[in-house]
Protein backbone atom coordinates (compact mmCIF):
# COMPACT_ATOMS: atom_id res chain seq x y z
CA MET A 1 43.24 169.99 89.05
CA LYS A 2 43.03 171.64 85.23
CA ASN A 3 46.06 170.39 82.64
CA LYS A 4 48.66 172.71 81.75
CA PRO A 5 48.94 174.03 78.24
CA LEU A 6 52.13 172.15 76.59
CA GLN A 7 54.52 175.80 76.89
CA GLU A 8 54.67 175.75 80.39
CA LEU A 9 55.94 171.79 80.15
CA LEU A 10 58.51 172.57 77.67
CA SER A 11 61.83 173.02 78.59
CA HIS A 12 65.58 174.27 76.67
CA GLU A 13 67.12 173.03 80.37
CA LEU A 14 69.70 169.94 79.45
CA GLU A 15 72.91 169.78 81.61
CA PHE A 16 75.85 167.65 79.58
CA LYS A 17 79.45 168.35 78.05
CA TYR A 18 80.04 166.60 74.14
CA ALA A 19 81.58 163.42 73.96
CA ILE A 20 81.02 163.25 77.62
CA SER A 21 78.45 160.26 78.76
CA LYS A 22 76.13 161.55 81.57
CA GLU A 23 73.97 158.53 83.86
CA VAL A 24 70.39 159.97 83.33
CA LEU A 25 69.17 156.34 85.14
CA PRO A 26 70.99 153.38 86.69
CA GLY A 27 71.94 151.37 83.06
CA ILE A 28 70.82 154.48 80.81
CA ARG A 29 73.80 156.73 79.52
CA ARG A 30 73.43 159.54 77.37
CA ILE A 31 75.71 161.27 75.26
CA VAL A 32 74.37 164.53 72.77
CA ALA A 33 76.10 164.57 69.62
CA PRO A 34 77.23 167.79 68.69
CA ASN A 35 74.72 168.53 65.72
CA PRO A 36 72.73 171.76 67.26
CA SER A 37 70.16 173.40 64.78
CA PRO A 38 66.65 174.71 65.82
CA TYR A 39 65.82 171.12 64.77
CA THR A 40 67.51 169.68 67.24
CA LEU A 41 68.08 172.00 70.05
CA TYR A 42 72.05 171.19 71.52
CA GLY A 43 72.07 167.80 69.36
CA THR A 44 70.90 164.20 69.02
CA GLY A 45 71.21 162.17 72.59
CA THR A 46 72.66 158.74 72.01
CA TYR A 47 72.35 156.50 75.02
CA ILE A 48 73.97 153.73 76.16
CA ILE A 49 72.39 151.05 77.85
CA GLY A 50 73.55 148.56 79.86
CA ASN A 51 77.09 147.82 81.13
CA GLY A 52 79.99 145.66 80.36
CA GLU A 53 78.10 144.07 76.93
CA ILE A 54 75.98 147.22 76.01
CA ALA A 55 73.48 148.74 73.71
CA ILE A 56 73.67 152.09 71.76
CA VAL A 57 70.32 153.33 70.84
CA ASP A 58 70.39 156.28 68.38
CA PRO A 59 74.14 156.23 67.41
CA GLY A 60 73.17 159.94 65.76
CA PRO A 61 74.70 161.83 62.36
CA ASN A 62 77.96 160.24 61.36
CA ILE A 63 80.44 163.19 62.56
CA PRO A 64 83.71 161.33 63.09
CA SER A 65 84.33 163.18 66.56
CA HIS A 66 80.90 161.38 68.09
CA ILE A 67 81.69 158.17 66.87
CA GLU A 68 84.64 158.37 68.56
CA ALA A 69 82.94 159.71 71.75
CA ILE A 70 80.51 156.69 71.45
CA LEU A 71 83.88 154.49 71.75
CA ASN A 72 86.02 156.54 74.46
CA GLN A 73 83.05 156.72 76.39
CA THR A 74 82.13 153.09 76.24
CA LYS A 75 86.10 151.85 76.21
CA GLY A 76 86.33 148.33 77.93
CA GLU A 77 82.79 147.43 76.91
CA LYS A 78 81.48 145.51 74.44
CA ILE A 79 78.70 147.08 71.99
CA THR A 80 76.78 143.96 70.82
CA HIS A 81 73.49 145.80 69.79
CA ILE A 82 72.61 149.40 67.67
CA LEU A 83 69.11 150.36 67.41
CA VAL A 84 67.63 152.96 66.46
CA THR A 85 64.40 155.20 67.36
CA HIS A 86 64.00 156.11 63.23
CA THR A 87 65.88 156.85 60.32
CA HIS A 88 66.56 160.72 60.36
CA ALA A 89 69.64 162.27 59.33
CA ASP A 90 70.39 163.10 63.28
CA HIS A 91 69.42 159.22 64.35
CA SER A 92 70.84 156.77 62.45
CA PRO A 93 73.80 157.23 59.69
CA ALA A 94 76.28 156.32 62.22
CA ALA A 95 75.08 152.82 62.32
CA LYS A 96 76.63 151.20 60.21
CA PRO A 97 79.94 153.19 60.39
CA LEU A 98 79.79 152.13 64.25
CA ALA A 99 78.88 148.73 63.44
CA LYS A 100 82.05 148.26 61.36
CA LEU A 101 84.13 149.07 64.14
CA THR A 102 82.22 147.11 66.90
CA GLY A 103 80.94 144.42 65.12
CA ALA A 104 77.16 144.81 66.39
CA ILE A 105 74.04 144.02 65.00
CA ILE A 106 72.14 147.07 63.60
CA MET A 107 68.46 147.55 63.86
CA GLY A 108 65.50 149.43 63.29
CA TYR A 109 61.80 148.44 62.28
CA GLY A 110 62.73 149.04 58.77
CA PRO A 111 64.70 151.58 56.18
CA HIS A 112 62.85 154.63 55.50
CA GLY A 113 59.35 155.40 53.80
CA GLU A 114 58.27 157.67 51.36
CA ALA A 115 60.10 161.01 51.44
CA GLU A 116 58.68 163.13 48.78
CA GLY A 117 58.99 166.58 50.19
CA GLU A 118 60.89 165.50 53.38
CA GLU A 119 64.47 166.39 53.99
CA GLY A 120 66.76 164.81 56.55
CA ALA A 121 65.35 161.39 55.63
CA ASP A 122 68.13 158.90 55.81
CA LEU A 123 67.53 156.53 53.04
CA ASN A 124 70.52 154.51 53.08
CA PHE A 125 69.83 152.82 56.65
CA THR A 126 69.06 149.04 56.20
CA PRO A 127 69.01 146.97 59.37
CA ASP A 128 70.68 143.57 60.14
CA TYR A 129 67.51 143.11 61.78
CA ILE A 130 63.39 144.37 61.45
CA ILE A 131 62.18 144.20 65.05
CA LYS A 132 58.83 144.23 65.45
CA ASP A 133 55.82 146.13 67.99
CA LYS A 134 56.19 144.67 71.66
CA GLU A 135 58.95 142.67 70.78
CA VAL A 136 61.59 142.84 73.58
CA ILE A 137 65.50 142.72 72.92
CA THR A 138 67.60 141.26 75.01
CA GLY A 139 71.33 141.49 76.05
CA ALA A 140 73.60 140.18 78.60
CA ASN A 141 72.31 142.79 81.15
CA TRP A 142 69.42 144.57 79.55
CA GLU A 143 66.27 144.26 77.88
CA LEU A 144 64.75 146.61 75.47
CA GLU A 145 60.48 146.52 74.52
CA CYS A 146 60.22 147.64 71.23
CA ILE A 147 56.72 149.60 70.87
CA HIS A 148 56.21 151.36 67.37
CA THR A 149 54.91 154.65 67.34
CA PRO A 150 54.40 155.83 63.91
CA GLY A 151 53.77 159.29 62.73
CA HIS A 152 57.43 161.48 63.33
CA THR A 153 57.89 158.48 60.42
CA SER A 154 56.19 155.59 59.66
CA ASN A 155 58.90 153.65 60.99
CA HIS A 156 59.09 154.86 64.57
CA ILE A 157 60.01 153.08 67.07
CA CYS A 158 59.94 154.07 71.17
CA TYR A 159 62.10 151.74 73.93
CA CYS A 160 61.04 150.73 77.24
CA VAL A 161 64.28 149.66 79.27
CA LYS A 162 62.93 146.97 81.31
CA GLY A 163 63.88 147.58 85.33
CA THR A 164 63.62 151.21 84.62
CA LYS A 165 60.08 152.42 84.12
CA ALA A 166 61.58 154.68 81.59
CA VAL A 167 60.85 155.11 77.94
CA LEU A 168 63.04 156.34 75.53
CA THR A 169 60.88 158.28 73.14
CA GLY A 170 63.22 159.37 70.06
CA ASP A 171 61.34 162.13 68.50
CA HIS A 172 57.99 160.69 69.01
CA ILE A 173 57.55 163.05 72.19
CA MET A 174 60.50 165.30 72.70
CA GLY A 175 61.04 167.45 76.18
CA TRP A 176 62.08 170.80 74.09
CA SER A 177 59.70 171.02 71.66
CA THR A 178 56.18 169.23 69.38
CA THR A 179 57.01 167.06 66.96
CA LEU A 180 57.74 167.29 63.36
CA VAL A 181 55.05 165.54 61.42
CA SER A 182 55.74 165.99 57.71
CA PRO A 183 54.67 163.91 54.80
CA PRO A 184 54.02 161.67 53.17
CA ASP A 185 56.11 159.69 55.80
CA GLY A 186 54.64 161.73 58.46
CA ASN A 187 51.12 160.73 59.55
CA MET A 188 49.25 162.80 61.33
CA LYS A 189 46.60 160.75 61.95
CA ASP A 190 49.10 157.93 63.29
CA TYR A 191 51.08 160.91 65.36
CA PHE A 192 47.32 161.12 67.26
CA ALA A 193 47.17 156.97 67.30
CA SER A 194 50.42 156.94 68.40
CA LEU A 195 50.05 159.50 71.89
CA GLU A 196 47.04 157.98 72.45
CA LYS A 197 48.47 154.65 72.54
CA MET A 198 51.20 155.58 75.16
CA LEU A 199 48.54 157.07 77.40
CA LEU A 200 47.97 152.62 77.89
CA ARG A 201 50.90 152.17 79.19
CA GLU A 202 52.18 152.98 83.03
CA ASP A 203 55.52 154.42 82.44
CA GLU A 204 57.40 156.60 84.89
CA TYR A 205 59.78 158.33 82.58
CA TYR A 206 60.32 159.67 78.83
CA ILE A 207 63.93 159.71 78.14
CA PRO A 208 63.17 162.11 74.13
CA SER A 209 66.83 161.74 71.63
CA HIS A 210 66.47 166.06 72.24
CA GLY A 211 65.85 167.66 75.92
CA GLU A 212 65.51 166.82 79.41
CA MET A 213 63.73 163.47 80.89
CA ILE A 214 59.70 164.18 81.16
CA LYS A 215 58.98 163.31 84.64
CA LYS A 216 55.23 163.11 84.13
CA PRO A 217 54.81 161.39 80.66
CA LYS A 218 51.22 160.92 80.97
CA ARG A 219 50.48 165.02 81.33
CA PHE A 220 52.87 165.64 78.99
CA VAL A 221 51.07 163.40 75.93
CA LYS A 222 47.81 165.29 77.71
CA ALA A 223 48.99 168.59 76.89
CA LEU A 224 50.38 167.00 73.21
CA ILE A 225 47.44 165.92 72.18
CA GLY A 226 45.55 168.66 73.44
CA HIS A 227 48.35 171.21 71.30
CA ARG A 228 47.42 169.24 68.37
CA LYS A 229 43.67 169.87 68.88
CA MET A 230 44.52 173.23 69.66
CA ARG A 231 46.44 173.69 65.40
CA GLU A 232 43.43 172.26 64.27
CA LYS A 233 40.81 174.41 65.55
CA GLN A 234 43.26 177.41 64.56
CA ILE A 235 43.17 175.82 60.99
CA ILE A 236 39.39 175.48 60.85
CA LYS A 237 38.76 179.44 61.94
CA TYR A 238 41.46 180.85 59.27
CA LEU A 239 39.70 178.34 56.35
CA ASP A 240 36.92 179.58 54.88
CA VAL A 241 33.64 177.89 53.01
CA LYS A 242 33.94 179.77 49.76
CA THR A 243 37.57 181.20 49.45
CA VAL A 244 40.53 178.87 48.48
CA THR A 245 43.37 179.40 51.22
CA TYR A 246 46.72 178.29 50.96
CA ILE A 247 49.66 177.01 53.60
CA PRO A 248 52.03 179.85 53.64
CA ASP A 249 48.44 181.97 54.69
CA LEU A 250 47.83 179.74 57.35
CA VAL A 251 51.21 179.06 58.99
CA SER A 252 51.77 183.26 59.26
CA LYS A 253 48.59 183.35 60.64
CA MET A 254 48.96 180.01 63.62
CA TYR A 255 52.81 180.87 64.09
CA PRO A 256 53.26 185.04 63.87
CA ASN A 257 56.59 184.75 65.71
CA LEU A 258 57.71 182.01 64.59
CA ASP A 259 61.78 181.51 63.99
CA LYS A 260 62.08 182.17 60.14
CA ARG A 261 64.51 178.97 59.49
CA LEU A 262 61.48 177.00 60.81
CA LEU A 263 58.48 178.17 58.63
CA LYS A 264 59.32 175.49 56.06
CA ALA A 265 58.96 172.94 58.81
CA ALA A 266 55.67 173.84 60.44
CA GLY A 267 54.14 174.06 56.75
CA ARG A 268 54.74 170.22 56.70
CA SER A 269 53.51 169.64 60.02
CA VAL A 270 50.32 172.15 58.82
CA LEU A 271 50.02 170.06 55.45
CA ALA A 272 50.01 166.93 58.00
CA HIS A 273 47.06 168.38 59.91
CA LEU A 274 44.69 169.38 56.80
CA PHE A 275 45.17 165.79 55.42
CA HIS A 276 44.15 164.51 59.05
CA MET A 277 41.45 166.75 58.95
CA LYS A 278 40.10 165.74 54.97
CA GLY A 279 39.75 162.27 56.11
CA LEU A 280 37.26 163.21 58.55
CA GLY A 281 35.37 164.89 56.21
CA TYR A 282 36.22 168.92 58.03
CA VAL A 283 37.81 169.79 54.67
CA LYS A 284 38.61 169.57 50.94
CA SER A 285 41.78 170.29 48.77
CA VAL A 286 41.86 171.50 45.48
CA ASP A 287 44.56 172.19 42.51
CA ASP A 288 44.69 175.08 40.66
CA SER A 289 47.48 177.58 39.29
CA ASN A 290 48.96 178.38 42.96
CA GLY A 291 48.95 174.80 44.03
CA ARG A 292 47.41 173.31 46.67
CA GLY A 293 44.88 174.78 47.76
CA TRP A 294 42.36 174.03 50.95
CA TYR A 295 38.74 175.37 51.91
CA LEU A 296 36.46 174.78 54.92
CA LEU A 297 33.57 171.76 54.42
């Protein structure tokens, strides 16, 4: 059977109400933060893991009403752990205020990496405990396996919820859109490798931070890889061996109908592809009075 193109698999559907938790799978509840945007869909999904003594994954942006919603929806329970998938402003800033209110330990793969040229990095995040790839974090009635998946950010972690066959994929794999890879902290070579890493697993569900649950993970990952390879073929098509080409020119050809609010993000992803292709020896960069240009080798 031929693999479906990515656009046929993406969906903007999501059943939710702000400030109200909804069970996604047994032992996994979601509260959507009220931070809708062209980058977050309806908002960031904050996940409640377990029952009684619980973990929070991606507490979200530091919005008082969202922190209050987390506390209200877990009333009578004890938050013992706060984990983040990565350090972007829509995922990790609420960790500190929530920890102050609950006494929970904050966990992550470390602080944010290089942020030059990147918008939305949470440079104030410092975990109480730095987790490692393949480490299993254990609570009273839950276990999370940590899967280091750099690419979107260097410190991105996915969490497999033991006993559910589901992985919380953060922004590494989203159900409604492709993932932004913005250098220098974002790295396309790492992103490809992290997608291949997920293909080696036998998970049955992906639960992203933005968008609905993905029920055929391997098909989805293969479509993501195919989509990224298609973008690199487009770059080869539009670059010339003699004439220097600039990223805005590539973006206008590769994304002809893109929402103007996303043009800068598209440019960052194209730059990530160009760095990846430069490493493979396909393209070369040149600095001139107009900034960095690129041409085909």
